[in-house]
Protein backbone atom coordinates (compact mmCIF):
# COMPACT_ATOMS: atom_id res chain seq x y z
CA MET A 1 55.83 -36.13 -80.16
CA ASP A 2 57.92 -34.76 -77.14
CA PHE A 3 61.32 -35.41 -78.38
CA HIS A 4 62.79 -35.73 -75.02
CA ALA A 5 60.09 -38.37 -74.53
CA ASP A 6 60.80 -40.12 -76.98
CA ARG A 7 64.54 -40.95 -76.06
CA THR A 8 64.11 -41.47 -72.58
CA ALA A 9 61.54 -44.10 -73.40
CA LEU A 10 64.18 -46.46 -74.98
CA ILE A 11 66.68 -46.87 -72.00
CA PRO A 12 65.70 -48.73 -68.95
CA GLY A 13 66.33 -46.25 -65.71
CA ALA A 14 65.82 -43.21 -68.01
CA THR A 15 63.57 -40.64 -66.58
CA GLN A 16 62.73 -37.08 -67.26
CA PRO A 17 64.39 -34.10 -65.38
CA ARG A 18 61.48 -32.37 -63.30
CA PRO A 19 61.24 -28.88 -62.48
CA ALA A 20 63.89 -28.96 -59.19
CA ILE A 21 65.63 -25.44 -59.69
CA GLY A 22 64.32 -21.72 -58.51
CA LEU A 23 65.17 -18.79 -59.82
CA ARG A 24 67.81 -17.86 -57.20
CA GLU A 25 69.58 -21.08 -57.54
CA ALA A 26 69.68 -20.64 -61.30
CA VAL A 27 71.47 -17.18 -61.08
CA ALA A 28 73.84 -18.88 -58.35
CA VAL A 29 74.73 -21.80 -60.43
CA ILE A 30 75.33 -19.64 -63.46
CA VAL A 31 77.23 -16.80 -61.61
CA GLY A 32 79.12 -19.54 -60.28
CA VAL A 33 80.30 -21.22 -63.41
CA VAL A 34 81.06 -17.53 -64.87
CA ILE A 35 82.85 -16.01 -61.78
CA GLY A 36 86.15 -17.94 -61.64
CA ALA A 37 89.90 -17.30 -61.06
CA GLY A 38 89.92 -15.26 -64.03
CA ILE A 39 88.80 -11.91 -62.82
CA PHE A 40 91.77 -12.42 -60.33
CA LYS A 41 94.83 -12.44 -63.22
CA ALA A 42 92.85 -10.92 -66.42
CA PRO A 43 92.55 -7.55 -65.73
CA SER A 44 95.92 -6.81 -65.25
CA VAL A 45 96.40 -8.37 -69.20
CA VAL A 46 93.53 -6.45 -70.69
CA ALA A 47 95.17 -2.70 -68.62
CA GLY A 48 98.23 -3.28 -70.36
CA LEU A 49 96.13 -4.02 -73.75
CA SER A 50 93.60 -1.65 -73.51
CA GLY A 51 95.70 1.80 -73.81
CA GLY A 52 93.83 3.81 -71.72
CA VAL A 53 91.60 3.86 -68.45
CA VAL A 54 88.38 4.53 -70.56
CA PRO A 55 88.95 2.08 -73.28
CA MET A 56 89.92 -0.62 -70.48
CA PHE A 57 86.30 -0.04 -68.77
CA ALA A 58 84.68 0.14 -72.08
CA LEU A 59 86.03 -3.21 -72.91
CA TRP A 60 84.83 -4.56 -69.63
CA ALA A 61 81.25 -3.15 -70.30
CA CYS A 62 81.48 -4.40 -74.01
CA GLY A 63 82.09 -7.88 -72.50
CA GLY A 64 78.92 -7.66 -70.67
CA VAL A 65 77.13 -6.55 -73.80
CA VAL A 66 78.16 -9.23 -76.32
CA SER A 67 77.12 -11.91 -73.28
CA LEU A 68 73.94 -10.22 -72.96
CA ILE A 69 73.44 -10.89 -76.77
CA GLY A 70 74.49 -14.13 -76.54
CA ALA A 71 72.03 -14.92 -73.69
CA LEU A 72 69.16 -13.24 -75.87
CA CYS A 73 70.02 -16.26 -78.16
CA TYR A 74 70.17 -18.89 -75.84
CA ALA A 75 66.75 -17.44 -74.08
CA GLU A 76 65.31 -18.24 -77.67
CA LEU A 77 66.71 -21.86 -77.76
CA THR A 78 66.28 -23.07 -73.76
CA THR A 79 62.68 -21.64 -73.83
CA ALA A 80 61.66 -23.40 -76.96
CA TYR A 81 63.72 -26.72 -76.53
CA PRO A 82 64.32 -27.21 -72.73
CA HIS A 83 66.36 -29.86 -72.36
CA ALA A 84 68.99 -31.43 -69.54
CA GLY A 85 70.85 -31.69 -72.67
CA GLY A 86 71.49 -28.09 -73.36
CA ASP A 87 74.15 -27.23 -76.46
CA TYR A 88 74.16 -31.10 -76.94
CA HIS A 89 70.21 -31.12 -77.90
CA TYR A 90 70.42 -28.17 -80.43
CA LEU A 91 73.29 -29.42 -81.87
CA HIS A 92 71.43 -32.40 -82.59
CA ARG A 93 68.27 -31.09 -83.57
CA ALA A 94 70.01 -29.00 -86.19
CA PHE A 95 72.64 -30.96 -87.36
CA GLY A 96 72.34 -34.56 -86.37
CA ARG A 97 73.32 -37.52 -83.91
CA PRO A 98 77.41 -37.20 -85.65
CA VAL A 99 77.88 -33.63 -84.73
CA ALA A 100 76.23 -33.69 -81.42
CA PHE A 101 78.30 -36.93 -80.39
CA LEU A 102 81.67 -34.84 -81.31
CA PHE A 103 80.42 -31.83 -79.15
CA GLY A 104 79.66 -34.63 -76.01
CA TRP A 105 82.94 -36.18 -76.22
CA ALA A 106 84.79 -32.80 -76.32
CA ARG A 107 83.45 -31.77 -73.33
CA PHE A 108 83.47 -34.80 -71.28
CA SER A 109 87.08 -35.34 -72.42
CA VAL A 110 88.16 -31.78 -72.21
CA ILE A 111 86.59 -29.04 -71.71
CA THR A 112 84.35 -29.83 -68.77
CA THR A 113 86.69 -32.50 -66.92
CA GLY A 114 89.68 -30.77 -68.06
CA SER A 115 87.72 -27.25 -66.47
CA ILE A 116 87.44 -29.31 -63.11
CA ALA A 117 90.73 -30.83 -62.98
CA LEU A 118 92.51 -27.17 -63.40
CA LEU A 119 89.93 -25.76 -61.03
CA GLY A 120 91.13 -28.23 -58.66
CA PHE A 121 94.25 -27.29 -58.65
CA VAL A 122 93.48 -23.39 -58.60
CA PHE A 123 91.51 -24.36 -55.40
CA GLY A 124 94.21 -26.76 -54.37
CA ASP A 125 97.06 -23.99 -54.81
CA TYR A 126 95.75 -21.66 -52.97
CA MET A 127 94.11 -23.81 -49.99
CA GLN A 128 97.47 -25.00 -49.31
CA GLN A 129 99.08 -21.09 -49.06
CA ALA A 130 96.04 -20.46 -46.55
CA ALA A 131 96.18 -23.65 -44.78
CA PRO A 132 99.05 -25.83 -45.51
CA LEU A 133 98.52 -29.40 -45.39
CA ALA A 134 101.54 -30.62 -42.81
CA PHE A 135 100.67 -34.39 -42.77
CA VAL A 136 101.26 -35.14 -46.81
CA PRO A 137 104.55 -35.26 -49.04
CA ALA A 138 106.00 -32.17 -49.96
CA GLY A 139 104.68 -30.40 -53.47
CA TRP A 140 101.51 -32.78 -52.87
CA GLY A 141 99.47 -30.62 -50.49
CA GLY A 142 97.50 -28.70 -53.77
CA THR A 143 97.03 -32.09 -55.45
CA ALA A 144 95.19 -33.39 -52.07
CA TYR A 145 93.18 -30.69 -51.58
CA ALA A 146 92.28 -31.37 -55.33
CA VAL A 147 91.38 -34.78 -54.90
CA ALA A 148 89.22 -33.60 -51.90
CA ALA A 149 87.50 -30.88 -53.60
CA ILE A 150 86.30 -32.73 -56.72
CA ALA A 151 85.03 -36.28 -54.70
CA GLY A 152 83.16 -34.28 -51.85
CA LEU A 153 81.52 -32.03 -54.08
CA THR A 154 80.30 -35.21 -56.35
CA ALA A 155 79.18 -36.64 -53.31
CA LEU A 156 77.01 -33.89 -52.38
CA ASN A 157 75.65 -33.92 -55.98
CA LEU A 158 74.60 -37.27 -55.76
CA ARG A 159 72.65 -36.30 -52.78
CA GLY A 160 70.25 -34.70 -55.25
CA ILE A 161 69.59 -31.47 -57.36
CA ARG A 162 68.22 -29.47 -54.07
CA THR A 163 71.62 -29.95 -51.87
CA GLY A 164 73.96 -29.27 -54.74
CA THR A 165 72.24 -25.92 -56.05
CA GLY A 166 71.45 -25.35 -51.99
CA PHE A 167 75.41 -25.39 -51.67
CA GLN A 168 75.68 -23.52 -54.63
CA THR A 169 73.97 -20.78 -53.18
CA MET A 170 75.74 -20.30 -50.07
CA LEU A 171 79.68 -20.58 -52.47
CA THR A 172 78.09 -18.01 -55.05
CA ALA A 173 76.92 -16.01 -51.90
CA ALA A 174 80.61 -16.26 -50.57
CA GLU A 175 82.24 -15.10 -53.61
CA ILE A 176 79.93 -12.09 -54.65
CA THR A 177 80.83 -11.42 -50.46
CA GLY A 178 84.51 -11.28 -51.92
CA LEU A 179 84.31 -9.72 -54.66
CA LEU A 180 82.53 -6.51 -52.79
CA LEU A 181 85.14 -6.77 -49.98
CA ILE A 182 87.78 -5.90 -52.40
CA ALA A 183 85.64 -2.97 -53.68
CA GLY A 184 85.14 -1.93 -50.07
CA ALA A 185 88.80 -2.44 -49.73
CA ALA A 186 89.42 -0.15 -52.49
CA ALA A 187 86.73 2.49 -51.88
CA ALA A 188 88.26 2.92 -47.98
CA PHE A 189 92.08 3.16 -49.97
CA SER A 190 90.94 5.49 -52.02
CA GLY A 191 90.55 8.74 -49.44
CA THR A 192 94.36 8.60 -49.34
CA ALA A 193 95.13 7.75 -53.03
CA PRO A 194 97.14 10.23 -55.10
CA ALA A 195 94.40 11.49 -57.43
CA THR A 196 94.79 10.30 -60.99
CA PRO A 197 95.71 13.32 -63.46
CA ALA A 198 93.09 13.46 -66.66
CA ALA A 199 96.23 12.91 -68.99
CA ALA A 200 96.17 9.08 -67.74
CA LEU A 201 92.57 8.21 -68.09
CA ALA A 202 93.92 7.54 -72.40
CA ALA A 203 96.97 6.83 -73.28
CA PRO A 204 98.52 8.95 -76.31
CA GLY A 205 97.12 7.27 -79.19
CA GLY A 206 95.30 4.42 -77.62
CA ALA A 207 95.22 1.24 -78.11
CA SER A 208 95.73 -0.56 -81.73
CA MET A 209 93.11 -2.47 -82.81
CA ALA A 210 94.83 -5.52 -82.86
CA SER A 211 95.40 -5.03 -79.22
CA ALA A 212 92.24 -3.91 -78.11
CA GLY A 213 90.82 -7.11 -79.71
CA MET A 214 93.36 -9.43 -78.11
CA ALA A 215 92.01 -7.40 -74.66
CA LEU A 216 88.26 -8.44 -75.70
CA VAL A 217 89.34 -12.12 -76.30
CA PHE A 218 90.20 -12.28 -72.73
CA VAL A 219 87.26 -10.47 -71.69
CA LEU A 220 85.14 -12.40 -73.34
CA LEU A 221 87.12 -15.45 -71.46
CA THR A 222 86.31 -14.10 -67.96
CA TYR A 223 82.66 -13.74 -69.41
CA GLY A 224 83.07 -17.14 -70.74
CA GLY A 225 80.56 -19.92 -68.64
CA TRP A 226 76.89 -18.25 -69.04
CA ASN A 227 75.92 -20.59 -71.43
CA GLU A 228 75.40 -23.63 -68.93
CA ALA A 229 72.21 -22.29 -68.31
CA ALA A 230 70.85 -24.21 -70.93
CA TYR A 231 71.91 -27.57 -68.95
CA ILE A 232 69.49 -26.12 -66.36
CA SER A 233 66.61 -25.65 -68.55
CA ALA A 234 64.55 -28.54 -68.29
CA GLU A 235 64.57 -28.13 -64.60
CA LEU A 236 63.81 -24.45 -63.76
CA ARG A 237 60.50 -24.01 -62.07
CA GLY A 238 58.59 -21.00 -63.39
CA GLY A 239 58.54 -21.68 -67.45
CA PRO A 240 60.15 -19.87 -69.93
CA ARG A 241 59.91 -17.01 -68.52
CA ALA A 242 62.12 -17.93 -65.41
CA MET A 243 64.75 -19.00 -67.92
CA VAL A 244 65.05 -15.66 -69.30
CA ARG A 245 64.76 -13.67 -66.19
CA ALA A 246 67.87 -16.29 -64.87
CA LEU A 247 70.03 -15.18 -67.72
CA MET A 248 69.38 -11.37 -67.66
CA ALA A 249 69.91 -11.06 -64.11
CA SER A 250 73.06 -13.48 -64.19
CA ILE A 251 74.81 -11.46 -66.66
CA ALA A 252 74.08 -8.28 -64.92
CA VAL A 253 75.26 -9.35 -61.55
CA ILE A 254 78.59 -10.35 -63.42
CA THR A 255 79.32 -7.24 -65.28
CA VAL A 256 78.81 -5.20 -62.44
CA LEU A 257 81.02 -7.12 -60.42
CA TYR A 258 83.64 -7.07 -63.09
CA LEU A 259 83.28 -3.05 -63.65
CA LEU A 260 83.60 -3.16 -59.53
CA VAL A 261 86.12 -5.00 -59.30
CA THR A 262 88.28 -3.67 -62.07
CA TRP A 263 87.71 0.15 -60.65
CA ALA A 264 89.12 -1.51 -57.54
CA TYR A 265 92.01 -2.51 -58.99
CA TRP A 266 92.61 0.42 -60.78
CA THR A 267 91.91 2.89 -57.64
CA VAL A 268 94.78 0.91 -55.71
CA LEU A 269 96.82 0.22 -58.31
CA GLY A 270 96.62 2.80 -61.57
CA LEU A 271 96.63 1.98 -64.71
CA GLU A 272 100.39 0.82 -64.71
CA GLY A 273 100.28 -0.71 -61.51
CA MET A 274 97.34 -2.73 -62.92
CA ALA A 275 99.40 -3.70 -66.44
CA ALA A 276 102.97 -4.52 -64.71
CA SER A 277 101.06 -7.15 -61.75
CA GLU A 278 101.39 -10.69 -61.63
CA ALA A 279 99.17 -10.98 -59.15
CA VAL A 280 97.02 -8.24 -59.52
CA ALA A 281 94.22 -9.14 -56.56
CA ALA A 282 96.71 -9.98 -54.09
CA ASP A 283 98.73 -6.84 -54.89
CA LEU A 284 95.71 -4.95 -53.99
CA MET A 285 95.03 -6.81 -51.25
CA ARG A 286 98.53 -6.23 -50.04
CA ALA A 287 98.50 -2.51 -50.38
CA VAL A 288 95.57 -2.21 -48.22
CA PHE A 289 95.63 -5.13 -45.58
CA GLY A 290 99.61 -5.50 -45.75
CA PRO A 291 100.87 -9.51 -45.02
CA ALA A 292 97.48 -10.54 -43.93
CA GLY A 293 95.90 -9.25 -47.64
CA GLU A 294 98.09 -12.29 -49.45
CA LYS A 295 96.02 -15.13 -47.13
CA ILE A 296 92.52 -13.25 -47.95
CA ILE A 297 93.02 -13.14 -51.18
CA SER A 298 93.75 -16.99 -51.58
CA VAL A 299 91.12 -17.72 -49.42
CA LEU A 300 88.78 -15.79 -52.12
CA VAL A 301 90.62 -17.34 -54.95
CA ALA A 302 89.67 -20.87 -53.07
CA VAL A 303 85.86 -19.88 -52.80
CA SER A 304 85.98 -18.96 -56.33
CA ALA A 305 87.54 -21.73 -57.82
CA LEU A 306 85.08 -24.14 -55.40
CA THR A 307 82.06 -22.30 -56.61
CA SER A 308 83.13 -22.75 -60.19
CA ILE A 309 83.79 -26.74 -59.56
CA ASN A 310 80.25 -27.26 -57.99
CA ALA A 311 78.39 -25.19 -60.98
CA THR A 312 80.38 -26.98 -63.55
CA MET A 313 79.66 -30.42 -62.12
CA ILE A 314 76.00 -29.73 -62.06
CA VAL A 315 75.71 -28.76 -65.83
CA GLY A 316 78.51 -30.94 -67.17
CA ALA A 317 76.90 -34.05 -66.02
CA ARG A 318 74.02 -33.65 -68.30
CA THR A 319 75.69 -33.54 -71.16
CA SER A 320 76.86 -37.57 -70.74
CA TYR A 321 73.23 -37.86 -69.65
CA ALA A 322 72.07 -36.49 -73.03
CA VAL A 323 74.42 -38.70 -74.89
CA GLY A 324 73.69 -41.84 -73.17
CA LEU A 325 69.76 -41.12 -74.32
CA ASP A 326 71.04 -40.85 -78.08
CA TRP A 327 73.87 -44.62 -77.81
CA GLN A 328 72.05 -47.51 -76.44
CA LYS A 329 75.88 -48.59 -75.35
CA LEU A 330 75.92 -45.53 -73.63
CA GLY A 331 72.84 -45.83 -71.90
CA ARG A 332 73.85 -46.35 -68.26
CA LEU A 333 74.97 -42.48 -68.33
CA ALA A 334 71.08 -41.78 -69.02
CA GLU A 335 70.14 -43.08 -65.97
CA TRP A 336 68.26 -40.27 -64.05
CA HIS A 337 67.18 -40.62 -60.51
CA ALA A 338 63.65 -39.07 -60.07
CA GLU A 339 63.71 -38.83 -56.18
CA LYS A 340 66.78 -36.47 -56.12
CA GLY A 341 66.99 -35.03 -59.86
CA THR A 342 70.43 -35.86 -60.75
CA PRO A 343 71.86 -38.03 -63.68
CA GLY A 344 73.70 -39.87 -60.68
CA PHE A 345 75.94 -42.45 -62.95
CA ALA A 346 76.73 -39.63 -65.33
CA LEU A 347 78.03 -37.43 -62.22
CA ALA A 348 80.08 -40.64 -61.12
CA VAL A 349 81.78 -41.36 -64.57
CA GLN A 350 82.68 -37.14 -64.29
CA CYS A 351 83.90 -37.46 -61.29
CA LEU A 352 86.55 -40.48 -61.91
CA ALA A 353 87.47 -38.72 -65.34
CA ALA A 354 88.18 -35.68 -63.59
CA LEU A 355 90.02 -37.47 -61.12
CA ALA A 356 92.18 -38.79 -63.61
CA LEU A 357 92.99 -35.78 -64.94
CA VAL A 358 93.92 -34.54 -61.83
CA ALA A 359 96.67 -37.23 -61.90
CA THR A 360 97.65 -36.42 -65.30
CA GLY A 361 98.03 -33.01 -64.14
CA ALA A 362 100.31 -33.69 -61.16
CA THR A 363 102.45 -35.55 -63.56
CA LEU A 364 102.70 -33.03 -66.75
CA GLY A 365 102.88 -29.68 -63.85
CA SER A 366 102.29 -27.08 -66.32
CA GLY A 367 101.63 -28.89 -69.29
CA PHE A 368 98.46 -30.14 -68.27
CA LYS A 369 97.45 -26.69 -67.72
CA ALA A 370 98.66 -25.74 -71.28
CA MET A 371 96.77 -29.18 -72.88
CA VAL A 372 93.52 -27.99 -71.75
CA GLU A 373 93.75 -24.04 -72.38
CA PHE A 374 94.96 -25.74 -76.16
CA THR A 375 91.34 -26.92 -76.73
CA ALA A 376 89.38 -23.36 -76.80
CA PRO A 377 89.41 -23.40 -80.64
CA VAL A 378 87.22 -26.46 -79.95
CA PHE A 379 85.25 -25.29 -77.41
CA TRP A 380 84.61 -22.03 -79.95
CA LEU A 381 83.31 -23.83 -82.51
CA PHE A 382 81.30 -25.82 -81.03
CA PHE A 383 80.10 -22.38 -79.68
CA LEU A 384 79.45 -21.00 -83.09
CA LEU A 385 77.72 -23.77 -84.31
CA THR A 386 75.24 -23.95 -81.70
CA GLY A 387 74.51 -20.39 -82.76
CA ILE A 388 73.92 -20.51 -85.86
CA SER A 389 71.70 -24.18 -85.03
CA LEU A 390 69.18 -20.98 -84.01
CA PHE A 391 69.12 -20.22 -88.27
CA VAL A 392 68.38 -23.81 -88.92
CA LEU A 393 65.97 -24.73 -86.27
CA ARG A 394 64.14 -21.42 -87.08
CA TRP A 395 64.29 -22.03 -90.53
CA ARG A 396 63.90 -26.19 -90.10
CA GLU A 397 60.97 -26.29 -87.17
CA PRO A 398 58.65 -23.50 -87.87
CA HIS A 399 55.76 -24.05 -86.22
CA VAL A 400 57.73 -24.98 -83.01
CA ALA A 401 56.34 -22.62 -80.16
CA ARG A 402 58.72 -20.19 -79.41
CA PRO A 403 57.78 -18.39 -75.81
CA TYR A 404 60.83 -15.80 -76.30
CA ARG A 405 62.01 -14.92 -79.67
CA VAL A 406 65.17 -13.03 -79.52
CA PRO A 407 64.87 -9.43 -80.55
CA LEU A 408 65.85 -8.00 -83.49
CA TYR A 409 66.79 -11.03 -85.71
CA PRO A 410 68.57 -12.02 -87.41
CA LEU A 411 70.70 -8.83 -86.43
CA LEU A 412 71.58 -10.00 -82.87
CA PRO A 413 72.31 -13.69 -83.53
CA LEU A 414 74.64 -12.55 -86.60
CA LEU A 415 76.11 -10.57 -84.15
CA PHE A 416 76.44 -13.63 -81.68
CA CYS A 417 78.31 -15.60 -84.43
CA ALA A 418 80.25 -12.98 -85.54
CA SER A 419 81.80 -12.98 -81.96
CA CYS A 420 82.27 -16.54 -81.78
CA ALA A 421 83.52 -16.75 -85.06
CA TYR A 422 85.87 -14.01 -84.06
CA MET A 423 87.36 -15.72 -80.83
CA LEU A 424 87.65 -18.85 -82.66
CA TRP A 425 89.72 -17.37 -85.19
CA SER A 426 91.95 -15.35 -81.98
CA SER A 427 91.87 -18.96 -80.09
CA LEU A 428 93.37 -20.51 -83.44
CA SER A 429 95.98 -18.15 -83.86
CA TYR A 430 96.90 -18.24 -80.57
CA VAL A 431 96.99 -22.18 -80.72
CA TYR A 432 98.53 -22.28 -83.57
CA SER A 433 101.71 -20.01 -82.26
CA GLN A 434 102.18 -22.37 -79.48
CA SER A 435 104.20 -25.88 -78.76
CA LEU A 436 104.05 -28.40 -76.37
CA GLY A 437 106.18 -31.25 -76.05
CA GLY A 438 107.90 -30.58 -79.17
CA LEU A 439 104.57 -30.47 -81.59
CA ASN A 440 102.42 -27.74 -82.84
CA ALA A 441 99.93 -27.06 -79.95
CA ALA A 442 96.91 -27.05 -82.61
CA TRP A 443 97.45 -30.78 -82.97
CA ILE A 444 95.79 -31.50 -79.56
CA GLY A 445 92.54 -30.19 -80.33
CA VAL A 446 92.46 -32.13 -83.78
CA ALA A 447 93.40 -34.92 -81.67
CA VAL A 448 90.68 -34.56 -79.47
CA LEU A 449 87.84 -34.17 -82.24
CA ALA A 450 89.60 -37.28 -84.08
CA LEU A 451 89.65 -39.87 -81.10
CA GLY A 452 85.98 -38.70 -81.06
CA CYS A 453 85.30 -39.25 -84.76
CA VAL A 454 86.83 -43.18 -83.69
CA LEU A 455 84.61 -43.44 -81.06
CA LEU A 456 81.34 -42.31 -83.10
CA LEU A 457 82.35 -44.79 -85.90
CA LEU A 458 82.69 -47.76 -83.34
CA LEU A 459 79.06 -46.76 -81.79
CA HIS A 460 77.80 -46.44 -85.24
CA MET A 461 78.91 -49.77 -86.25
CA ASP A 462 77.35 -51.62 -82.83
CA ASP A 463 74.28 -49.46 -83.88
CA GLN A 464 74.03 -50.97 -87.20
CA HIS A 465 74.37 -54.37 -85.70
CA GLU A 466 72.35 -53.99 -83.33
CA ARG A 467 69.35 -53.01 -85.82
CA GLN A 468 70.12 -55.86 -88.28
CA THR A 469 70.17 -58.59 -85.28
CA GLY A 470 66.96 -56.95 -83.95
CA SER A 471 65.65 -57.34 -87.34
CA ARG A 472 66.56 -60.82 -88.15
CA ASN A 473 64.90 -61.76 -84.34
CA ALA A 474 61.66 -59.65 -85.34
CA SER A 475 61.67 -61.54 -88.52
CA ASP A 476 61.43 -64.91 -86.43
CA GLU A 477 58.27 -63.57 -85.09
CA PRO A 478 55.50 -62.18 -87.26
CA GLY A 479 53.93 -59.45 -85.92
CA SER A 480 56.68 -58.28 -83.20
CA ARG A 481 58.62 -55.08 -83.68
CA ARG A 482 62.05 -53.84 -82.07
CA PRO A 483 61.86 -50.50 -80.79
CA PRO A 484 64.02 -48.24 -82.55
CA THR A 485 67.43 -47.84 -81.38
CA ARG A 486 67.85 -43.89 -82.46
CA PRO A 487 65.21 -41.36 -82.06
CA PRO A 488 62.78 -40.71 -84.90
CA PRO A 489 63.65 -38.10 -87.22
CA THR A 490 62.81 -34.44 -86.07
CA ARG A 491 59.41 -32.96 -87.29
CA PRO A 492 58.23 -29.32 -86.60
CA GLU A 493 55.67 -30.28 -84.65
CA GLU A 494 57.66 -32.12 -81.95
CA ASN A 495 58.62 -29.76 -79.06
């Protein structure tokens, strides 16, 4: 029995996603999700914590290796269980509906929609610098750009997956071109830059383990997002091998670009200049192009933000679609337009939620950014559980066909889970030391999960009521049987 098809049969208007995404579009989505505004800010923090040039580059290379290990684990999950729900689907099969719902709730309420809203503000702020909107009230130009970007990209994706991924391919190409421009500018500048003394390649004593570990946190955050490939696994043409190639190619492209851009910053500004910079990319472009460089970098950051918004929208709505398959009260989220290849209603709801968060952000200002960032422990908790699900599903469903098996099992999955656990601990340590509105920031993540638990309880009570009502109605008509409101238990042969 097909686990996915069985659930779609229970929801009116729900159909199964069909392969409609090519390898190039898949790579564009993954790269677009990962490369955001982080590469324009994080390198200065990493430079200050790394303790030397060689350790700095080693940390960025290490981030690529850790991401590759995680991608190998996801390659097994995505090829064994291709599903538009991605992580939600794996958590559902491994730990049941309650855990999966809490993940879906956290993703909808903050992780995805909050990211879209924050990226909208990044896009708006930089576009306002490059092309100010004179017809809106002072201070509202960035918000107007954010609203226009979110509404416009949602409308674009509602036209169909081919339209959305086609535009994503163009955005990602523009983003990569911009990063290569930074590297090219540094290469041209390096001919006039003073040579770096060999002694400066590593600071005396290097960095402490604590500072190097904190630097790795920022590196991994900048690499974050490649796991979103799981949400298009059921729609990728070419079968399991195509998903493995998409993940490997994406990680390779991202790692090379990050190393190139870091080299560019170091070449122009030097290690100390990078560490002292508040806007490392802007400082580089100003050094190479003069005042015009600020305009160029504003456009580059705006394009990167727009690229990430569109990619996040594509993968984010698919989690809501999967949630709709599991809960009849949320069944409209599972409406899938077969011809367009999109979860139309889920996209619309995601847009409205993101716009509501934009309104919240316009009211709270930087407090909203902090609120979203302080939910990082929730993200890393579920990321860790997804890694553990690989072990659970191998043990519980040994007969499921696995077109790709992660090499060096169980060593690589253990390394991936260890990196997630470390990031969870690091994010908890950071959040616990912060406050927002006089309250410890750690309560924000707790509040998100607590509200999800309340919603889960209400849905469960409604589910029980529906089953009891259905059972009474069925007893009135001998021989009749009401379809179940939840999927049957997972069996080893289900795939």
